Amino acid sequence: MDTGGKEERFKLIEKAAALGKVSELCQLFGVSKSSYYAYLKRRGNDRDAEAKQQIRRAYRRYEGKYGYRQLQLFLWQDDGIWMNHKKILRLMQELGLQARIRR
């Protein structure tokens, strides 16, 4: 039975959990119990909330002039926070932050 992505299936199982056994519902929708419980555990958790806040703060401190490479250095120099440049880039993209391009 293919009813869409796993996310949709997990939501359906969550709604129907009061009606039947979770193990039977998982078998019906073709997902494992462990993946369903992992979905419940991580749902609503933003693991990068603190990192996003730090990036926003550094971005504002330097008036949005710099990109992810410079922000990585500034976070390290100013706050003593080491963060991978790829993570900074990903979070800046999620937050919609971009460096102002100088001419």
N, C-alpha and C. Protein backbone atom coordinates (compact mmCIF):
# COMPACT_ATOMS: atom_id res chain seq x y z
N MET A 1 0.85 -1.18 0.00
CA MET A 1 0.00 0.00 0.00
C MET A 1 0.90 1.24 0.00
N ASP A 2 0.84 2.03 -1.05
CA ASP A 2 1.66 3.23 -1.15
C ASP A 2 0.75 4.45 -1.02
N THR A 3 0.85 5.12 0.14
CA THR A 3 -0.03 6.27 0.39
C THR A 3 0.75 7.56 0.51
N GLY A 4 1.85 7.65 -0.19
CA GLY A 4 2.64 8.87 -0.12
C GLY A 4 3.93 8.65 0.63
N GLY A 5 4.55 9.75 1.04
CA GLY A 5 5.81 9.69 1.75
C GLY A 5 5.66 9.16 3.16
N LYS A 6 6.79 8.86 3.75
CA LYS A 6 6.77 8.33 5.11
C LYS A 6 6.18 9.31 6.10
N GLU A 7 6.45 10.59 5.89
CA GLU A 7 5.93 11.62 6.80
C GLU A 7 4.40 11.54 6.88
N GLU A 8 3.75 11.40 5.73
CA GLU A 8 2.28 11.32 5.69
C GLU A 8 1.80 10.04 6.38
N ARG A 9 2.52 8.96 6.14
CA ARG A 9 2.14 7.69 6.77
C ARG A 9 2.25 7.78 8.29
N PHE A 10 3.34 8.42 8.77
CA PHE A 10 3.51 8.57 10.21
C PHE A 10 2.38 9.40 10.81
N LYS A 11 1.96 10.43 10.10
CA LYS A 11 0.86 11.27 10.59
C LYS A 11 -0.44 10.47 10.65
N LEU A 12 -0.69 9.63 9.64
CA LEU A 12 -1.88 8.79 9.66
C LEU A 12 -1.85 7.80 10.81
N ILE A 13 -0.70 7.21 11.05
CA ILE A 13 -0.56 6.26 12.16
C ILE A 13 -0.80 6.97 13.48
N GLU A 14 -0.29 8.18 13.59
CA GLU A 14 -0.47 8.95 14.83
C GLU A 14 -1.94 9.23 15.09
N LYS A 15 -2.67 9.56 14.04
CA LYS A 15 -4.11 9.83 14.20
C LYS A 15 -4.89 8.57 14.54
N ALA A 16 -4.48 7.44 13.95
CA ALA A 16 -5.22 6.19 14.15
C ALA A 16 -4.71 5.37 15.33
N ALA A 17 -3.72 5.86 16.05
CA ALA A 17 -3.12 5.09 17.14
C ALA A 17 -4.13 4.77 18.24
N ALA A 18 -5.11 5.61 18.43
CA ALA A 18 -6.12 5.36 19.47
C ALA A 18 -7.05 4.22 19.08
N LEU A 19 -7.15 3.93 17.78
CA LEU A 19 -8.08 2.91 17.30
C LEU A 19 -7.51 1.51 17.29
N GLY A 20 -6.20 1.39 17.19
CA GLY A 20 -5.62 0.05 17.12
C GLY A 20 -4.19 0.04 17.60
N LYS A 21 -3.57 -1.12 17.48
CA LYS A 21 -2.18 -1.28 17.90
C LYS A 21 -1.26 -0.58 16.92
N VAL A 22 -0.25 0.07 17.46
CA VAL A 22 0.72 0.77 16.64
C VAL A 22 1.47 -0.21 15.74
N SER A 23 1.80 -1.38 16.27
CA SER A 23 2.55 -2.36 15.47
C SER A 23 1.74 -2.79 14.25
N GLU A 24 0.44 -3.00 14.43
CA GLU A 24 -0.41 -3.40 13.29
C GLU A 24 -0.54 -2.27 12.28
N LEU A 25 -0.68 -1.05 12.77
CA LEU A 25 -0.77 0.10 11.87
C LEU A 25 0.52 0.30 11.08
N CYS A 26 1.64 0.12 11.74
CA CYS A 26 2.93 0.26 11.06
C CYS A 26 3.07 -0.79 9.97
N GLN A 27 2.64 -2.02 10.28
CA GLN A 27 2.71 -3.09 9.29
C GLN A 27 1.78 -2.79 8.12
N LEU A 28 0.60 -2.25 8.39
CA LEU A 28 -0.36 -1.91 7.36
C LEU A 28 0.19 -0.83 6.41
N PHE A 29 0.88 0.17 6.98
CA PHE A 29 1.41 1.27 6.17
C PHE A 29 2.82 1.00 5.65
N GLY A 30 3.40 -0.11 6.04
CA GLY A 30 4.70 -0.49 5.50
C GLY A 30 5.88 0.29 6.05
N VAL A 31 5.80 0.63 7.33
CA VAL A 31 6.92 1.30 8.00
C VAL A 31 7.25 0.51 9.26
N SER A 32 8.49 0.66 9.72
CA SER A 32 8.88 -0.06 10.93
C SER A 32 8.42 0.72 12.17
N LYS A 33 8.23 -0.03 13.24
CA LYS A 33 7.83 0.60 14.51
C LYS A 33 8.90 1.56 14.99
N SER A 34 10.15 1.16 14.84
CA SER A 34 11.24 2.00 15.35
C SER A 34 11.31 3.32 14.60
N SER A 35 11.06 3.30 13.29
CA SER A 35 11.09 4.56 12.54
C SER A 35 9.91 5.45 12.93
N TYR A 36 8.77 4.84 13.25
CA TYR A 36 7.62 5.62 13.70
C TYR A 36 7.93 6.30 15.04
N TYR A 37 8.51 5.55 15.97
CA TYR A 37 8.83 6.12 17.27
C TYR A 37 9.95 7.15 17.17
N ALA A 38 10.88 6.94 16.24
CA ALA A 38 11.92 7.94 16.00
C ALA A 38 11.30 9.22 15.46
N TYR A 39 10.29 9.09 14.59
CA TYR A 39 9.57 10.25 14.07
C TYR A 39 8.90 11.01 15.21
N LEU A 40 8.25 10.29 16.11
CA LEU A 40 7.59 10.94 17.25
C LEU A 40 8.60 11.69 18.13
N LYS A 41 9.77 11.10 18.29
CA LYS A 41 10.78 11.69 19.16
C LYS A 41 11.35 12.97 18.57
N ARG A 42 11.60 12.99 17.27
CA ARG A 42 12.25 14.15 16.66
C ARG A 42 11.26 15.22 16.18
N ARG A 43 9.99 14.88 16.15
CA ARG A 43 8.97 15.83 15.70
C ARG A 43 8.95 17.06 16.61
N GLY A 44 9.03 18.20 15.99
CA GLY A 44 8.96 19.44 16.76
C GLY A 44 10.27 19.86 17.40
N ASN A 45 11.29 19.05 17.28
CA ASN A 45 12.60 19.40 17.84
C ASN A 45 13.42 20.11 16.79
N ASP A 46 13.85 21.32 17.09
CA ASP A 46 14.77 22.01 16.19
C ASP A 46 16.14 21.94 16.82
N ARG A 47 16.96 21.02 16.32
CA ARG A 47 18.28 20.79 16.91
C ARG A 47 19.20 21.99 16.72
N ASP A 48 18.93 22.78 15.71
CA ASP A 48 19.81 23.89 15.38
C ASP A 48 19.29 25.25 15.85
N ALA A 49 18.35 25.27 16.77
CA ALA A 49 17.74 26.53 17.20
C ALA A 49 18.79 27.47 17.80
N GLU A 50 19.65 26.95 18.65
CA GLU A 50 20.67 27.79 19.29
C GLU A 50 21.69 28.29 18.26
N ALA A 51 22.08 27.41 17.35
CA ALA A 51 23.05 27.80 16.31
C ALA A 51 22.46 28.88 15.40
N LYS A 52 21.18 28.75 15.08
CA LYS A 52 20.51 29.76 14.25
C LYS A 52 20.52 31.11 14.95
N GLN A 53 20.27 31.09 16.24
CA GLN A 53 20.26 32.33 17.01
C GLN A 53 21.64 32.98 17.02
N GLN A 54 22.68 32.18 17.17
CA GLN A 54 24.05 32.71 17.17
C GLN A 54 24.42 33.29 15.81
N ILE A 55 24.01 32.62 14.75
CA ILE A 55 24.30 33.11 13.40
C ILE A 55 23.56 34.41 13.14
N ARG A 56 22.28 34.46 13.55
CA ARG A 56 21.50 35.70 13.38
C ARG A 56 22.15 36.86 14.11
N ARG A 57 22.61 36.59 15.34
CA ARG A 57 23.24 37.63 16.16
C ARG A 57 24.51 38.14 15.48
N ALA A 58 25.35 37.24 14.99
CA ALA A 58 26.60 37.64 14.32
C ALA A 58 26.29 38.37 13.01
N TYR A 59 25.28 37.92 12.30
CA TYR A 59 24.89 38.55 11.04
C TYR A 59 24.45 39.99 11.29
N ARG A 60 23.65 40.19 12.33
CA ARG A 60 23.19 41.55 12.68
C ARG A 60 24.34 42.42 13.18
N ARG A 61 25.23 41.83 13.96
CA ARG A 61 26.37 42.57 14.52
C ARG A 61 27.21 43.17 13.40
N TYR A 62 27.35 42.47 12.31
CA TYR A 62 28.15 42.96 11.19
C TYR A 62 27.28 43.48 10.05
N GLU A 63 26.03 43.81 10.37
CA GLU A 63 25.09 44.49 9.48
C GLU A 63 24.86 43.75 8.15
N GLY A 64 24.97 42.45 8.17
CA GLY A 64 24.68 41.65 6.98
C GLY A 64 25.69 41.79 5.86
N LYS A 65 26.87 42.28 6.17
CA LYS A 65 27.87 42.52 5.13
C LYS A 65 28.59 41.26 4.70
N TYR A 66 28.65 40.27 5.57
CA TYR A 66 29.51 39.14 5.33
C TYR A 66 28.74 37.85 5.11
N GLY A 67 29.37 36.93 4.40
CA GLY A 67 28.80 35.63 4.12
C GLY A 67 29.21 34.59 5.14
N TYR A 68 28.96 33.35 4.78
CA TYR A 68 29.16 32.27 5.75
C TYR A 68 30.63 32.07 6.12
N ARG A 69 31.53 32.31 5.20
CA ARG A 69 32.95 32.09 5.50
C ARG A 69 33.43 33.07 6.58
N GLN A 70 33.10 34.34 6.39
CA GLN A 70 33.51 35.35 7.38
C GLN A 70 32.76 35.18 8.69
N LEU A 71 31.48 34.82 8.60
CA LEU A 71 30.72 34.62 9.84
C LEU A 71 31.32 33.50 10.67
N GLN A 72 31.83 32.47 9.99
CA GLN A 72 32.48 31.39 10.72
C GLN A 72 33.66 31.92 11.51
N LEU A 73 34.46 32.76 10.88
CA LEU A 73 35.62 33.34 11.57
C LEU A 73 35.20 34.26 12.70
N PHE A 74 34.18 35.08 12.46
CA PHE A 74 33.72 36.01 13.50
C PHE A 74 33.14 35.27 14.69
N LEU A 75 32.39 34.20 14.44
CA LEU A 75 31.85 33.41 15.55
C LEU A 75 32.99 32.84 16.39
N TRP A 76 34.04 32.39 15.74
CA TRP A 76 35.18 31.83 16.45
C TRP A 76 35.95 32.91 17.21
N GLN A 77 36.22 34.03 16.55
CA GLN A 77 37.02 35.08 17.18
C GLN A 77 36.26 35.82 18.28
N ASP A 78 35.03 36.19 18.01
CA ASP A 78 34.27 37.02 18.96
C ASP A 78 33.65 36.21 20.10
N ASP A 79 33.06 35.07 19.76
CA ASP A 79 32.29 34.32 20.75
C ASP A 79 32.94 33.01 21.18
N GLY A 80 34.01 32.61 20.50
CA GLY A 80 34.64 31.34 20.83
C GLY A 80 33.81 30.14 20.42
N ILE A 81 32.97 30.32 19.41
CA ILE A 81 32.09 29.24 18.95
C ILE A 81 32.61 28.72 17.63
N TRP A 82 32.98 27.43 17.60
CA TRP A 82 33.43 26.83 16.36
C TRP A 82 32.26 26.07 15.74
N MET A 83 31.99 26.41 14.48
CA MET A 83 30.90 25.77 13.75
C MET A 83 31.38 25.51 12.33
N ASN A 84 31.05 24.37 11.80
CA ASN A 84 31.45 24.02 10.44
C ASN A 84 30.86 25.00 9.44
N HIS A 85 31.66 25.37 8.44
CA HIS A 85 31.20 26.35 7.46
C HIS A 85 30.00 25.85 6.66
N LYS A 86 29.92 24.54 6.44
CA LYS A 86 28.79 23.99 5.70
C LYS A 86 27.50 24.13 6.51
N LYS A 87 27.61 23.96 7.80
CA LYS A 87 26.44 24.12 8.67
C LYS A 87 25.99 25.58 8.68
N ILE A 88 26.94 26.50 8.74
CA ILE A 88 26.61 27.92 8.73
C ILE A 88 25.91 28.27 7.42
N LEU A 89 26.43 27.77 6.31
CA LEU A 89 25.81 28.02 5.01
C LEU A 89 24.39 27.48 4.97
N ARG A 90 24.19 26.25 5.42
CA ARG A 90 22.86 25.62 5.41
C ARG A 90 21.87 26.41 6.26
N LEU A 91 22.31 26.81 7.46
CA LEU A 91 21.41 27.54 8.35
C LEU A 91 21.12 28.95 7.82
N MET A 92 22.12 29.58 7.22
CA MET A 92 21.88 30.90 6.62
C MET A 92 20.86 30.80 5.49
N GLN A 93 20.94 29.73 4.71
CA GLN A 93 19.97 29.53 3.64
C GLN A 93 18.57 29.30 4.20
N GLU A 94 18.47 28.51 5.29
CA GLU A 94 17.18 28.28 5.93
C GLU A 94 16.59 29.58 6.48
N LEU A 95 17.46 30.44 7.03
CA LEU A 95 17.01 31.70 7.62
C LEU A 95 16.80 32.80 6.58
N GLY A 96 17.26 32.55 5.36
CA GLY A 96 17.13 33.56 4.31
C GLY A 96 18.12 34.70 4.45
N LEU A 97 19.28 34.43 5.05
CA LEU A 97 20.31 35.46 5.24
C LEU A 97 21.33 35.38 4.11
N GLN A 98 21.65 36.53 3.54
CA GLN A 98 22.65 36.59 2.49
C GLN A 98 23.55 37.78 2.72
N ALA A 99 24.79 37.67 2.28
CA ALA A 99 25.71 38.77 2.39
C ALA A 99 25.34 39.82 1.34
N ARG A 100 25.54 41.08 1.72
CA ARG A 100 25.34 42.15 0.74
C ARG A 100 26.54 42.15 -0.20
N ILE A 101 26.27 42.17 -1.47
CA ILE A 101 27.34 42.15 -2.47
C ILE A 101 27.87 43.56 -2.65
N ARG A 102 29.19 43.69 -2.50
CA ARG A 102 29.82 45.00 -2.69
C ARG A 102 30.22 45.16 -4.15
N ARG A 103 30.20 46.39 -4.64
CA ARG A 103 30.64 46.66 -6.01
C ARG A 103 32.01 47.25 -6.00
